[in-house]
Amino acid sequence: MKSASAIVAEAVTGSHVLKIEGYSGTKVLGNGESIKSSTFALGAHRWFIRYYPDGNGSENAGWISFYLDLNLQHSDATSVKASFKFSLLDEMGQPVPSYSQPWGVRQTFKASGSGSSWGYERFIEKKALEQSTYLKDDCFSVQCDVIVSKGFRAEDTARFVTHLGRLLSSRAESDVAFRVGGETFTAHRLVLAARSTVFMEELFGPMKEKHTTSRPIQIDDMEPGMFGAMLHYIYTDSLPEAATADTYGQRCGDRYGLERLKLICEDKLCGFISTGTAATTLALAEQHGCRGLKEACFRFLRLPGNLKTIMGSDEFQYLTSSCPSLLNELLANVAP
């Protein structure tokens, strides 16, 4: 007799458009003051948006900030996991690419405290909005897209991840091998293809014939440690505790279309910014399109003395030579 069961991870996706009417009148609120939108329902929870017309915090004066808040007064939950992004809308109601945030790392919205709201301190500079065509008749609109996780219970998630991790480490029924820096890694084609469109193309698409031999697929431009960490992420949706978040994590994410891996590495890197790493981390953020990491570097370099400290370093010289176009943005964000 056979039995079977399934664990289905569900998510609810929705969006809310907030129109700011009478923009010039909102500017009198001053720095650090916000206006709340009306609440809207999504994923059995109610949400609202905070609009800061002159930035949230003195260091963000001259910018417009937007935050997403969870109204837990209308929910039995003590926290909710969700991903979100904000986009400025043009007169046709379409997102403006240059002012559309990428999907962020899934955040936990808590009942109170520092985790009760998440957002963007520097969504758009006030001067840039006022000089654009997106402010019309003293009005502009933004759209907030939200994905609310609702499926797995915590114990189901842990069990599911554990089973897939065991499948990888046991090598049971593996049907593809990779040779990386003298080490061999085995995996399962279907799992790789399900998690990465690049692997789908390589293993089941037009490139399939190239990888149908019994010989391992040669990977020449990655270190074994990072490739192994990437496989661990593909099977468990997390990095090993010992894995470092560095340029290889971003390269793996770029090469194999693993956007969440990039975001995980970006989130880790945000916690290790120092005067010794700020310049190279900023260059990495620019090269791989990591806007959140770039903003974290700018916040660090705005602290007194930090920019002056790094300007004479070899790392700063590397930044100026590898990303010369970034200098104007650096000065605009960091200079007093």
C-alpha atoms as a PDB file:
ATOM      1  CA  MET A   1       0.000   0.000   0.000  1.00  0.00           C
ATOM      2  CA  LYS A   2       1.215   3.470  -0.839  1.00  0.00           C
ATOM      3  CA  SER A   3       0.236   6.717   0.815  1.00  0.00           C
ATOM      4  CA  ALA A   4       1.011  10.257  -0.256  1.00  0.00           C
ATOM      5  CA  SER A   5       0.661  13.782   0.998  1.00  0.00           C
ATOM      6  CA  ALA A   6       1.627  17.239  -0.130  1.00  0.00           C
ATOM      7  CA  ILE A   7       2.748  20.460   1.477  1.00  0.00           C
ATOM      8  CA  VAL A   8       1.635  23.470  -0.568  1.00  0.00           C
ATOM      9  CA  ALA A   9       3.181  26.857   0.090  1.00  0.00           C
ATOM     10  CA  GLU A  10       0.620  29.486  -0.809  1.00  0.00           C
ATOM     11  CA  ALA A  11       1.023  33.214  -1.187  1.00  0.00           C
ATOM     12  CA  VAL A  12      -1.350  36.086  -1.795  1.00  0.00           C
ATOM     13  CA  THR A  13      -0.282  38.854  -4.157  1.00  0.00           C
ATOM     14  CA  GLY A  14      -1.898  42.259  -4.426  1.00  0.00           C
ATOM     15  CA  SER A  15      -1.218  45.938  -4.916  1.00  0.00           C
ATOM     16  CA  HIS A  16      -2.455  49.293  -3.675  1.00  0.00           C
ATOM     17  CA  VAL A  17      -2.211  52.627  -5.505  1.00  0.00           C
ATOM     18  CA  LEU A  18      -1.761  55.696  -3.337  1.00  0.00           C
ATOM     19  CA  LYS A  19      -2.443  59.072  -4.947  1.00  0.00           C
ATOM     20  CA  ILE A  20      -0.940  62.140  -3.315  1.00  0.00           C
ATOM     21  CA  GLU A  21      -3.225  65.065  -4.088  1.00  0.00           C
ATOM     22  CA  GLY A  22      -2.054  68.561  -3.175  1.00  0.00           C
ATOM     23  CA  TYR A  23       1.596  67.586  -2.930  1.00  0.00           C
ATOM     24  CA  SER A  24       2.776  71.138  -2.217  1.00  0.00           C
ATOM     25  CA  GLY A  25       0.515  71.284   0.832  1.00  0.00           C
ATOM     26  CA  THR A  26       2.029  68.124   2.320  1.00  0.00           C
ATOM     27  CA  LYS A  27       5.543  69.583   2.302  1.00  0.00           C
ATOM     28  CA  VAL A  28       4.774  71.854   5.249  1.00  0.00           C
ATOM     29  CA  LEU A  29       4.736  68.843   7.590  1.00  0.00           C
ATOM     30  CA  GLY A  30       8.521  68.886   7.859  1.00  0.00           C
ATOM     31  CA  ASN A  31      11.197  66.228   8.243  1.00  0.00           C
ATOM     32  CA  GLY A  32      10.235  63.063  10.120  1.00  0.00           C
ATOM     33  CA  GLU A  33       6.478  63.687   9.896  1.00  0.00           C
ATOM     34  CA  SER A  34       4.231  61.307   7.966  1.00  0.00           C
ATOM     35  CA  ILE A  35       0.706  60.925   6.607  1.00  0.00           C
ATOM     36  CA  LYS A  36      -1.058  57.551   6.745  1.00  0.00           C
ATOM     37  CA  SER A  37      -3.017  56.178   3.815  1.00  0.00           C
ATOM     38  CA  SER A  38      -6.359  54.485   4.264  1.00  0.00           C
ATOM     39  CA  THR A  39      -6.066  50.809   5.193  1.00  0.00           C
ATOM     40  CA  PHE A  40      -6.378  48.080   2.575  1.00  0.00           C
ATOM     41  CA  ALA A  41      -6.898  44.324   2.910  1.00  0.00           C
ATOM     42  CA  LEU A  42      -4.502  41.707   1.583  1.00  0.00           C
ATOM     43  CA  GLY A  43      -3.841  38.132   2.694  1.00  0.00           C
ATOM     44  CA  ALA A  44      -6.375  38.249   5.567  1.00  0.00           C
ATOM     45  CA  HIS A  45      -4.545  41.257   7.020  1.00  0.00           C
ATOM     46  CA  ARG A  46      -4.958  44.999   6.818  1.00  0.00           C
ATOM     47  CA  TRP A  47      -2.152  47.321   5.753  1.00  0.00           C
ATOM     48  CA  PHE A  48      -1.481  51.006   5.323  1.00  0.00           C
ATOM     49  CA  ILE A  49       1.257  53.176   3.802  1.00  0.00           C
ATOM     50  CA  ARG A  50       3.186  55.939   5.551  1.00  0.00           C
ATOM     51  CA  TYR A  51       4.175  58.880   3.347  1.00  0.00           C
ATOM     52  CA  TYR A  52       6.995  61.156   4.559  1.00  0.00           C
ATOM     53  CA  PRO A  53       6.998  64.238   2.262  1.00  0.00           C
ATOM     54  CA  ASP A  54      10.361  65.450   3.632  1.00  0.00           C
ATOM     55  CA  GLY A  55      12.012  62.160   4.521  1.00  0.00           C
ATOM     56  CA  ASN A  56      12.056  59.900   7.567  1.00  0.00           C
ATOM     57  CA  GLY A  57      14.984  61.136   9.663  1.00  0.00           C
ATOM     58  CA  SER A  58      17.210  64.199   9.464  1.00  0.00           C
ATOM     59  CA  GLU A  59      19.717  62.454   7.207  1.00  0.00           C
ATOM     60  CA  ASN A  60      16.958  61.957   4.610  1.00  0.00           C
ATOM     61  CA  ALA A  61      15.727  65.557   4.469  1.00  0.00           C
ATOM     62  CA  GLY A  62      15.068  66.543   0.868  1.00  0.00           C
ATOM     63  CA  TRP A  63      13.869  63.054  -0.007  1.00  0.00           C
ATOM     64  CA  ILE A  64      10.461  61.391  -0.013  1.00  0.00           C
ATOM     65  CA  SER A  65      10.122  58.216   2.079  1.00  0.00           C
ATOM     66  CA  PHE A  66       7.471  55.501   1.822  1.00  0.00           C
ATOM     67  CA  TYR A  67       6.870  52.689   4.312  1.00  0.00           C
ATOM     68  CA  LEU A  68       4.473  49.745   4.410  1.00  0.00           C
ATOM     69  CA  ASP A  69       2.857  49.112   7.811  1.00  0.00           C
ATOM     70  CA  LEU A  70       0.829  46.159   9.048  1.00  0.00           C
ATOM     71  CA  ASN A  71      -2.287  46.956  11.084  1.00  0.00           C
ATOM     72  CA  LEU A  72      -2.363  44.018  13.481  1.00  0.00           C
ATOM     73  CA  GLN A  73      -5.390  45.322  15.354  1.00  0.00           C
ATOM     74  CA  HIS A  74      -7.480  43.481  12.772  1.00  0.00           C
ATOM     75  CA  SER A  75      -5.544  40.178  12.902  1.00  0.00           C
ATOM     76  CA  ASP A  76      -4.910  37.353  15.356  1.00  0.00           C
ATOM     77  CA  ALA A  77      -1.337  37.026  14.095  1.00  0.00           C
ATOM     78  CA  THR A  78       1.601  38.446  16.046  1.00  0.00           C
ATOM     79  CA  SER A  79       3.695  38.706  12.885  1.00  0.00           C
ATOM     80  CA  VAL A  80       3.320  38.343   9.130  1.00  0.00           C
ATOM     81  CA  LYS A  81       5.952  37.552   6.494  1.00  0.00           C
ATOM     82  CA  ALA A  82       5.726  39.537   3.267  1.00  0.00           C
ATOM     83  CA  SER A  83       7.768  40.911   0.383  1.00  0.00           C
ATOM     84  CA  PHE A  84       6.942  44.288  -1.122  1.00  0.00           C
ATOM     85  CA  LYS A  85       8.079  46.977  -3.523  1.00  0.00           C
ATOM     86  CA  PHE A  86       7.123  50.577  -4.320  1.00  0.00           C
ATOM     87  CA  SER A  87       6.901  52.095  -7.818  1.00  0.00           C
ATOM     88  CA  LEU A  88       6.318  55.655  -8.978  1.00  0.00           C
ATOM     89  CA  LEU A  89       3.536  55.718 -11.605  1.00  0.00           C
ATOM     90  CA  ASP A  90       3.478  57.743 -14.805  1.00  0.00           C
ATOM     91  CA  GLU A  91       0.384  59.536 -16.122  1.00  0.00           C
ATOM     92  CA  MET A  92      -0.777  56.291 -17.754  1.00  0.00           C
ATOM     93  CA  GLY A  93      -0.632  54.480 -14.409  1.00  0.00           C
ATOM     94  CA  GLN A  94       2.427  52.437 -15.384  1.00  0.00           C
ATOM     95  CA  PRO A  95       5.511  51.987 -13.152  1.00  0.00           C
ATOM     96  CA  VAL A  96       8.438  54.268 -13.978  1.00  0.00           C
ATOM     97  CA  PRO A  97      11.452  51.907 -14.374  1.00  0.00           C
ATOM     98  CA  SER A  98      13.984  54.325 -12.866  1.00  0.00           C
ATOM     99  CA  TYR A  99      11.806  54.726  -9.768  1.00  0.00           C
ATOM    100  CA  SER A 100      10.566  51.163  -9.344  1.00  0.00           C
ATOM    101  CA  GLN A 101      12.107  49.269  -6.452  1.00  0.00           C
ATOM    102  CA  PRO A 102      13.060  45.600  -6.934  1.00  0.00           C
ATOM    103  CA  TRP A 103      11.355  42.948  -4.809  1.00  0.00           C
ATOM    104  CA  GLY A 104      13.052  43.037  -1.415  1.00  0.00           C
ATOM    105  CA  VAL A 105      13.945  40.218   0.927  1.00  0.00           C
ATOM    106  CA  ARG A 106      10.844  38.806   2.619  1.00  0.00           C
ATOM    107  CA  GLN A 107      10.425  40.765   5.856  1.00  0.00           C
ATOM    108  CA  THR A 108       8.682  39.881   9.102  1.00  0.00           C
ATOM    109  CA  PHE A 109       6.159  42.564  10.065  1.00  0.00           C
ATOM    110  CA  LYS A 110       5.766  42.488  13.851  1.00  0.00           C
ATOM    111  CA  ALA A 111       3.021  43.759  16.113  1.00  0.00           C
ATOM    112  CA  SER A 112       5.162  46.628  17.418  1.00  0.00           C
ATOM    113  CA  GLY A 113       8.702  47.933  17.642  1.00  0.00           C
ATOM    114  CA  SER A 114      11.378  48.168  14.969  1.00  0.00           C
ATOM    115  CA  GLY A 115       9.833  45.461  12.794  1.00  0.00           C
ATOM    116  CA  SER A 116       6.346  46.945  12.555  1.00  0.00           C
ATOM    117  CA  SER A 117       7.051  48.745   9.266  1.00  0.00           C
ATOM    118  CA  TRP A 118       9.481  48.449   6.382  1.00  0.00           C
ATOM    119  CA  GLY A 119      10.146  50.750   3.471  1.00  0.00           C
ATOM    120  CA  TYR A 120      12.477  53.064   1.577  1.00  0.00           C
ATOM    121  CA  GLU A 121      14.086  56.080   3.236  1.00  0.00           C
ATOM    122  CA  ARG A 122      15.117  57.608  -0.082  1.00  0.00           C
ATOM    123  CA  PHE A 123      12.464  56.631  -2.583  1.00  0.00           C
ATOM    124  CA  ILE A 124      12.815  59.766  -4.730  1.00  0.00           C
ATOM    125  CA  GLU A 125      14.445  63.131  -4.178  1.00  0.00           C
ATOM    126  CA  LYS A 126      11.896  65.938  -3.826  1.00  0.00           C
ATOM    127  CA  LYS A 127      13.734  68.055  -6.381  1.00  0.00           C
ATOM    128  CA  ALA A 128      13.713  65.194  -8.902  1.00  0.00           C
ATOM    129  CA  LEU A 129       9.959  64.682  -8.488  1.00  0.00           C
ATOM    130  CA  GLU A 130       9.189  68.378  -8.775  1.00  0.00           C
ATOM    131  CA  GLN A 131      11.213  68.691 -11.982  1.00  0.00           C
ATOM    132  CA  SER A 132       9.642  65.579 -13.534  1.00  0.00           C
ATOM    133  CA  THR A 133       6.492  65.059 -15.583  1.00  0.00           C
ATOM    134  CA  TYR A 134       5.221  62.578 -12.977  1.00  0.00           C
ATOM    135  CA  LEU A 135       4.053  65.429 -10.747  1.00  0.00           C
ATOM    136  CA  LYS A 136       1.029  66.808 -12.585  1.00  0.00           C
ATOM    137  CA  ASP A 137      -1.557  69.250 -11.274  1.00  0.00           C
ATOM    138  CA  ASP A 138       0.220  69.002  -7.892  1.00  0.00           C
ATOM    139  CA  CYS A 139      -0.507  65.252  -7.775  1.00  0.00           C
ATOM    140  CA  PHE A 140       1.511  62.040  -8.143  1.00  0.00           C
ATOM    141  CA  SER A 141       0.866  58.343  -7.520  1.00  0.00           C
ATOM    142  CA  VAL A 142       2.821  55.370  -6.212  1.00  0.00           C
ATOM    143  CA  GLN A 143       1.975  51.691  -6.287  1.00  0.00           C
ATOM    144  CA  CYS A 144       2.839  49.261  -3.505  1.00  0.00           C
ATOM    145  CA  ASP A 145       2.965  45.594  -4.544  1.00  0.00           C
ATOM    146  CA  VAL A 146       2.858  43.003  -1.757  1.00  0.00           C
ATOM    147  CA  ILE A 147       3.306  39.227  -1.584  1.00  0.00           C
ATOM    148  CA  VAL A 148       2.031  37.741   1.694  1.00  0.00           C
ATOM    149  CA  SER A 149       3.193  34.238   2.629  1.00  0.00           C
ATOM    150  CA  LYS A 150       0.363  32.125   4.017  1.00  0.00           C
ATOM    151  CA  GLY A 151       0.992  28.424   3.438  1.00  0.00           C
ATOM    152  CA  PHE A 152       3.580  26.566   5.510  1.00  0.00           C
ATOM    153  CA  ARG A 153       3.412  26.210   9.234  1.00  0.00           C
ATOM    154  CA  ALA A 154       6.862  26.631  10.786  1.00  0.00           C
ATOM    155  CA  GLU A 155       7.198  22.932  11.589  1.00  0.00           C
ATOM    156  CA  ASP A 156       6.153  21.936   8.054  1.00  0.00           C
ATOM    157  CA  THR A 157       8.718  24.290   6.552  1.00  0.00           C
ATOM    158  CA  ALA A 158      11.510  22.941   8.757  1.00  0.00           C
ATOM    159  CA  ARG A 159      10.594  19.342   7.922  1.00  0.00           C
ATOM    160  CA  PHE A 160      10.395  20.035   4.182  1.00  0.00           C
ATOM    161  CA  VAL A 161      13.766  21.829   4.150  1.00  0.00           C
ATOM    162  CA  THR A 162      15.373  19.040   6.200  1.00  0.00           C
ATOM    163  CA  HIS A 163      14.185  16.359   3.780  1.00  0.00           C
ATOM    164  CA  LEU A 164      15.466  18.217   0.710  1.00  0.00           C
ATOM    165  CA  GLY A 165      18.775  18.910   2.439  1.00  0.00           C
ATOM    166  CA  ARG A 166      19.152  15.191   3.166  1.00  0.00           C
ATOM    167  CA  LEU A 167      18.402  14.405  -0.468  1.00  0.00           C
ATOM    168  CA  LEU A 168      21.305  16.623  -1.536  1.00  0.00           C
ATOM    169  CA  SER A 169      23.798  15.317   1.033  1.00  0.00           C
ATOM    170  CA  SER A 170      22.887  11.639   0.536  1.00  0.00           C
ATOM    171  CA  ARG A 171      23.405  11.840  -3.250  1.00  0.00           C
ATOM    172  CA  ALA A 172      20.546   9.329  -3.576  1.00  0.00           C
ATOM    173  CA  GLU A 173      19.313   9.037  -7.179  1.00  0.00           C
ATOM    174  CA  SER A 174      21.443  12.021  -8.261  1.00  0.00           C
ATOM    175  CA  ASP A 175      21.587  12.307 -12.041  1.00  0.00           C
ATOM    176  CA  VAL A 176      23.904  15.246 -12.775  1.00  0.00           C
ATOM    177  CA  ALA A 177      27.437  16.079 -11.622  1.00  0.00           C
ATOM    178  CA  PHE A 178      29.532  19.242 -11.664  1.00  0.00           C
ATOM    179  CA  ARG A 179      33.311  19.598 -11.519  1.00  0.00           C
ATOM    180  CA  VAL A 180      34.335  22.803  -9.746  1.00  0.00           C
ATOM    181  CA  GLY A 181      37.939  23.598  -8.860  1.00  0.00           C
ATOM    182  CA  GLY A 182      38.936  19.968  -8.493  1.00  0.00           C
ATOM    183  CA  GLU A 183      35.829  18.983  -6.505  1.00  0.00           C
ATOM    184  CA  THR A 184      32.787  17.057  -7.750  1.00  0.00           C
ATOM    185  CA  PHE A 185      29.211  17.923  -6.753  1.00  0.00           C
ATOM    186  CA  THR A 186      26.179  15.785  -7.533  1.00  0.00           C
ATOM    187  CA  ALA A 187      22.565  16.930  -7.716  1.00  0.00           C
ATOM    188  CA  HIS A 188      19.145  16.228  -9.235  1.00  0.00           C
ATOM    189  CA  ARG A 189      18.213  17.763 -12.574  1.00  0.00           C
ATOM    190  CA  LEU A 190      14.548  18.258 -11.731  1.00  0.00           C
ATOM    191  CA  VAL A 191      15.305  20.110  -8.495  1.00  0.00           C
ATOM    192  CA  LEU A 192      17.821  22.404 -10.199  1.00  0.00           C
ATOM    193  CA  ALA A 193      15.463  23.092 -13.105  1.00  0.00           C
ATOM    194  CA  ALA A 194      12.544  23.815 -10.789  1.00  0.00           C
ATOM    195  CA  ARG A 195      14.560  26.442  -8.916  1.00  0.00           C
ATOM    196  CA  SER A 196      16.486  28.077 -11.765  1.00  0.00           C
ATOM    197  CA  THR A 197      15.371  28.976 -15.285  1.00  0.00           C
ATOM    198  CA  VAL A 198      19.041  28.891 -16.324  1.00  0.00           C
ATOM    199  CA  PHE A 199      19.398  25.296 -15.153  1.00  0.00           C
ATOM    200  CA  MET A 200      16.097  24.530 -16.895  1.00  0.00           C
ATOM    201  CA  GLU A 201      17.558  25.772 -20.187  1.00  0.00           C
ATOM    202  CA  GLU A 202      20.900  24.024 -19.691  1.00  0.00           C
ATOM    203  CA  LEU A 203      19.517  20.667 -18.561  1.00  0.00           C
ATOM    204  CA  PHE A 204      16.219  20.416 -20.469  1.00  0.00           C
ATOM    205  CA  GLY A 205      16.293  23.120 -23.135  1.00  0.00           C
ATOM    206  CA  PRO A 206      18.358  23.725 -26.295  1.00  0.00           C
ATOM    207  CA  MET A 207      21.622  23.168 -24.382  1.00  0.00           C
ATOM    208  CA  LYS A 208      20.482  19.742 -23.178  1.00  0.00           C
ATOM    209  CA  GLU A 209      22.593  17.787 -25.672  1.00  0.00           C
ATOM    210  CA  LYS A 210      25.741  19.421 -24.347  1.00  0.00           C
ATOM    211  CA  HIS A 211      25.100  17.995 -20.861  1.00  0.00           C
ATOM    212  CA  THR A 212      23.748  14.514 -21.621  1.00  0.00           C
ATOM    213  CA  THR A 213      27.054  12.676 -21.299  1.00  0.00           C
ATOM    214  CA  SER A 214      28.026  10.887 -18.102  1.00  0.00           C
ATOM    215  CA  ARG A 215      30.943  13.241 -17.571  1.00  0.00           C
ATOM    216  CA  PRO A 216      30.582  16.025 -14.947  1.00  0.00           C
ATOM    217  CA  ILE A 217      29.711  19.503 -16.192  1.00  0.00           C
ATOM    218  CA  GLN A 218      32.811  21.669 -15.865  1.00  0.00           C
ATOM    219  CA  ILE A 219      32.423  24.992 -13.979  1.00  0.00           C
ATOM    220  CA  ASP A 220      35.549  27.121 -14.334  1.00  0.00           C
ATOM    221  CA  ASP A 221      34.682  30.519 -12.897  1.00  0.00           C
ATOM    222  CA  MET A 222      33.503  29.685  -9.371  1.00  0.00           C
ATOM    223  CA  GLU A 223      35.067  28.481  -6.160  1.00  0.00           C
ATOM    224  CA  PRO A 224      33.943  25.081  -4.830  1.00  0.00           C
ATOM    225  CA  GLY A 225      32.793  26.542  -1.518  1.00  0.00           C
ATOM    226  CA  MET A 226      30.410  29.020  -3.126  1.00  0.00           C
ATOM    227  CA  PHE A 227      29.087  26.482  -5.637  1.00  0.00           C
ATOM    228  CA  GLY A 228      28.353  24.090  -2.784  1.00  0.00           C
ATOM    229  CA  ALA A 229      26.649  26.881  -0.854  1.00  0.00           C
ATOM    230  CA  MET A 230      24.565  27.671  -3.933  1.00  0.00           C
ATOM    231  CA  LEU A 231      23.398  24.045  -4.192  1.00  0.00           C
ATOM    232  CA  HIS A 232      22.525  24.127  -0.489  1.00  0.00           C
ATOM    233  CA  TYR A 233      20.450  27.248  -1.118  1.00  0.00           C
ATOM    234  CA  ILE A 234      18.671  25.662  -4.103  1.00  0.00           C
ATOM    235  CA  TYR A 235      17.587  22.686  -1.966  1.00  0.00           C
ATOM    236  CA  THR A 236      16.883  24.472   1.332  1.00  0.00           C
ATOM    237  CA  ASP A 237      16.224  28.146   0.423  1.00  0.00           C
ATOM    238  CA  SER A 238      18.998  29.212   2.808  1.00  0.00           C
ATOM    239  CA  LEU A 239      22.765  29.503   2.915  1.00  0.00           C
ATOM    240  CA  PRO A 240      24.903  27.285   5.180  1.00  0.00           C
ATOM    241  CA  GLU A 241      25.847  29.051   8.412  1.00  0.00           C
ATOM    242  CA  ALA A 242      29.527  28.993   7.465  1.00  0.00           C
ATOM    243  CA  ALA A 243      28.944  30.509   4.019  1.00  0.00           C
ATOM    244  CA  THR A 244      30.220  34.032   3.441  1.00  0.00           C
ATOM    245  CA  ALA A 245      28.163  36.579   1.520  1.00  0.00           C
ATOM    246  CA  ASP A 246      30.609  37.964  -1.008  1.00  0.00           C
ATOM    247  CA  THR A 247      31.011  38.611  -4.712  1.00  0.00           C
ATOM    248  CA  TYR A 248      30.668  34.898  -5.475  1.00  0.00           C
ATOM    249  CA  GLY A 249      27.177  34.855  -3.989  1.00  0.00           C
ATOM    250  CA  GLN A 250      26.177  37.730  -6.249  1.00  0.00           C
ATOM    251  CA  ARG A 251      27.805  36.040  -9.271  1.00  0.00           C
ATOM    252  CA  CYS A 252      25.959  32.779  -8.576  1.00  0.00           C
ATOM    253  CA  GLY A 253      22.709  34.685  -8.292  1.00  0.00           C
ATOM    254  CA  ASP A 254      23.337  36.549 -11.535  1.00  0.00           C
ATOM    255  CA  ARG A 255      24.537  33.544 -13.488  1.00  0.00           C
ATOM    256  CA  TYR A 256      21.751  31.162 -12.474  1.00  0.00           C
ATOM    257  CA  GLY A 257      18.894  33.655 -12.113  1.00  0.00           C
ATOM    258  CA  LEU A 258      18.601  33.175  -8.337  1.00  0.00           C
ATOM    259  CA  GLU A 259      17.296  36.576  -7.299  1.00  0.00           C
ATOM    260  CA  ARG A 260      16.478  35.557  -3.732  1.00  0.00           C
ATOM    261  CA  LEU A 261      20.036  34.244  -3.255  1.00  0.00           C
ATOM    262  CA  LYS A 262      21.304  37.671  -4.307  1.00  0.00           C
ATOM    263  CA  LEU A 263      18.965  39.304  -1.798  1.00  0.00           C
ATOM    264  CA  ILE A 264      20.085  36.982   1.016  1.00  0.00           C
ATOM    265  CA  CYS A 265      23.740  37.786   0.295  1.00  0.00           C
ATOM    266  CA  GLU A 266      22.890  41.475   0.004  1.00  0.00           C
ATOM    267  CA  ASP A 267      21.126  41.403   3.367  1.00  0.00           C
ATOM    268  CA  LYS A 268      24.137  39.729   5.007  1.00  0.00           C
ATOM    269  CA  LEU A 269      26.586  42.180   3.471  1.00  0.00           C
ATOM    270  CA  CYS A 270      24.574  45.109   4.832  1.00  0.00           C
ATOM    271  CA  GLY A 271      25.546  43.967   8.328  1.00  0.00           C
ATOM    272  CA  PHE A 272      29.296  43.943   7.648  1.00  0.00           C
ATOM    273  CA  ILE A 273      29.934  47.393   6.206  1.00  0.00           C
ATOM    274  CA  SER A 274      32.989  49.079   7.736  1.00  0.00           C
ATOM    275  CA  THR A 275      35.638  51.594   6.709  1.00  0.00           C
ATOM    276  CA  GLY A 276      37.657  48.629   5.443  1.00  0.00           C
ATOM    277  CA  THR A 277      34.876  47.188   3.285  1.00  0.00           C
ATOM    278  CA  ALA A 278      32.622  50.115   2.340  1.00  0.00           C
ATOM    279  CA  ALA A 279      34.363  50.978  -0.954  1.00  0.00           C
ATOM    280  CA  THR A 280      34.547  47.429  -2.322  1.00  0.00           C
ATOM    281  CA  THR A 281      31.020  46.671  -1.105  1.00  0.00           C
ATOM    282  CA  LEU A 282      29.723  49.785  -2.867  1.00  0.00           C
ATOM    283  CA  ALA A 283      31.471  48.702  -6.086  1.00  0.00           C
ATOM    284  CA  LEU A 284      29.919  45.228  -5.722  1.00  0.00           C
ATOM    285  CA  ALA A 285      26.468  46.758  -5.193  1.00  0.00           C
ATOM    286  CA  GLU A 286      26.848  48.883  -8.323  1.00  0.00           C
ATOM    287  CA  GLN A 287      28.120  46.033 -10.512  1.00  0.00           C
ATOM    288  CA  HIS A 288      25.322  43.656  -9.506  1.00  0.00           C
ATOM    289  CA  GLY A 289      22.442  46.130  -9.265  1.00  0.00           C
ATOM    290  CA  CYS A 290      21.964  45.759  -5.496  1.00  0.00           C
ATOM    291  CA  ARG A 291      20.091  48.946  -4.642  1.00  0.00           C
ATOM    292  CA  GLY A 292      19.472  48.066  -0.991  1.00  0.00           C
ATOM    293  CA  LEU A 293      23.160  47.361  -0.412  1.00  0.00           C
ATOM    294  CA  LYS A 294      24.116  50.599  -2.148  1.00  0.00           C
ATOM    295  CA  GLU A 295      21.774  52.568   0.108  1.00  0.00           C
ATOM    296  CA  ALA A 296      23.265  50.843   3.173  1.00  0.00           C
ATOM    297  CA  CYS A 297      26.759  51.907   2.045  1.00  0.00           C
ATOM    298  CA  PHE A 298      25.582  55.490   1.533  1.00  0.00           C
ATOM    299  CA  ARG A 299      24.060  55.535   5.032  1.00  0.00           C
ATOM    300  CA  PHE A 300      27.357  54.313   6.505  1.00  0.00           C
ATOM    301  CA  LEU A 301      29.428  56.838   4.561  1.00  0.00           C
ATOM    302  CA  ARG A 302      27.167  59.693   5.684  1.00  0.00           C
ATOM    303  CA  LEU A 303      28.309  59.095   9.262  1.00  0.00           C
ATOM    304  CA  PRO A 304      30.902  61.685  10.355  1.00  0.00           C
ATOM    305  CA  GLY A 305      34.426  60.922   9.202  1.00  0.00           C
ATOM    306  CA  ASN A 306      33.724  57.657   7.375  1.00  0.00           C
ATOM    307  CA  LEU A 307      34.005  59.007   3.820  1.00  0.00           C
ATOM    308  CA  LYS A 308      37.218  60.880   4.632  1.00  0.00           C
ATOM    309  CA  THR A 309      38.685  57.727   6.190  1.00  0.00           C
ATOM    310  CA  ILE A 310      38.234  55.565   3.096  1.00  0.00           C
ATOM    311  CA  MET A 311      39.187  58.110   0.423  1.00  0.00           C
ATOM    312  CA  GLY A 312      42.924  57.407   0.685  1.00  0.00           C
ATOM    313  CA  SER A 313      42.583  53.614   0.590  1.00  0.00           C
ATOM    314  CA  ASP A 314      43.382  51.229  -2.255  1.00  0.00           C
ATOM    315  CA  GLU A 315      39.784  50.038  -2.099  1.00  0.00           C
ATOM    316  CA  PHE A 316      38.522  53.549  -2.857  1.00  0.00           C
ATOM    317  CA  GLN A 317      40.918  53.815  -5.806  1.00  0.00           C
ATOM    318  CA  TYR A 318      39.482  50.528  -7.081  1.00  0.00           C
ATOM    319  CA  LEU A 319      35.980  51.972  -6.723  1.00  0.00           C
ATOM    320  CA  THR A 320      36.854  55.089  -8.724  1.00  0.00           C
ATOM    321  CA  SER A 321      38.512  53.077 -11.503  1.00  0.00           C
ATOM    322  CA  SER A 322      35.940  50.258 -11.749  1.00  0.00           C
ATOM    323  CA  CYS A 323      32.779  52.358 -11.284  1.00  0.00           C
ATOM    324  CA  PRO A 324      33.605  55.961 -12.293  1.00  0.00           C
ATOM    325  CA  SER A 325      29.935  56.694 -13.031  1.00  0.00           C
ATOM    326  CA  LEU A 326      29.143  56.039  -9.364  1.00  0.00           C
ATOM    327  CA  LEU A 327      31.173  58.988  -8.069  1.00  0.00           C
ATOM    328  CA  ASN A 328      28.536  61.636  -8.827  1.00  0.00           C
ATOM    329  CA  GLU A 329      25.869  59.541  -7.116  1.00  0.00           C
ATOM    330  CA  LEU A 330      28.193  58.985  -4.159  1.00  0.00           C
ATOM    331  CA  LEU A 331      28.791  62.714  -3.755  1.00  0.00           C
ATOM    332  CA  ALA A 332      25.080  63.514  -4.156  1.00  0.00           C
ATOM    333  CA  ASN A 333      24.142  61.020  -1.430  1.00  0.00           C
ATOM    334  CA  VAL A 334      27.014  61.479   1.008  1.00  0.00           C
ATOM    335  CA  ALA A 335      28.420  65.018   0.697  1.00  0.00           C
ATOM    336  CA  PRO A 336      27.022  67.532   3.223  1.00  0.00           C
END
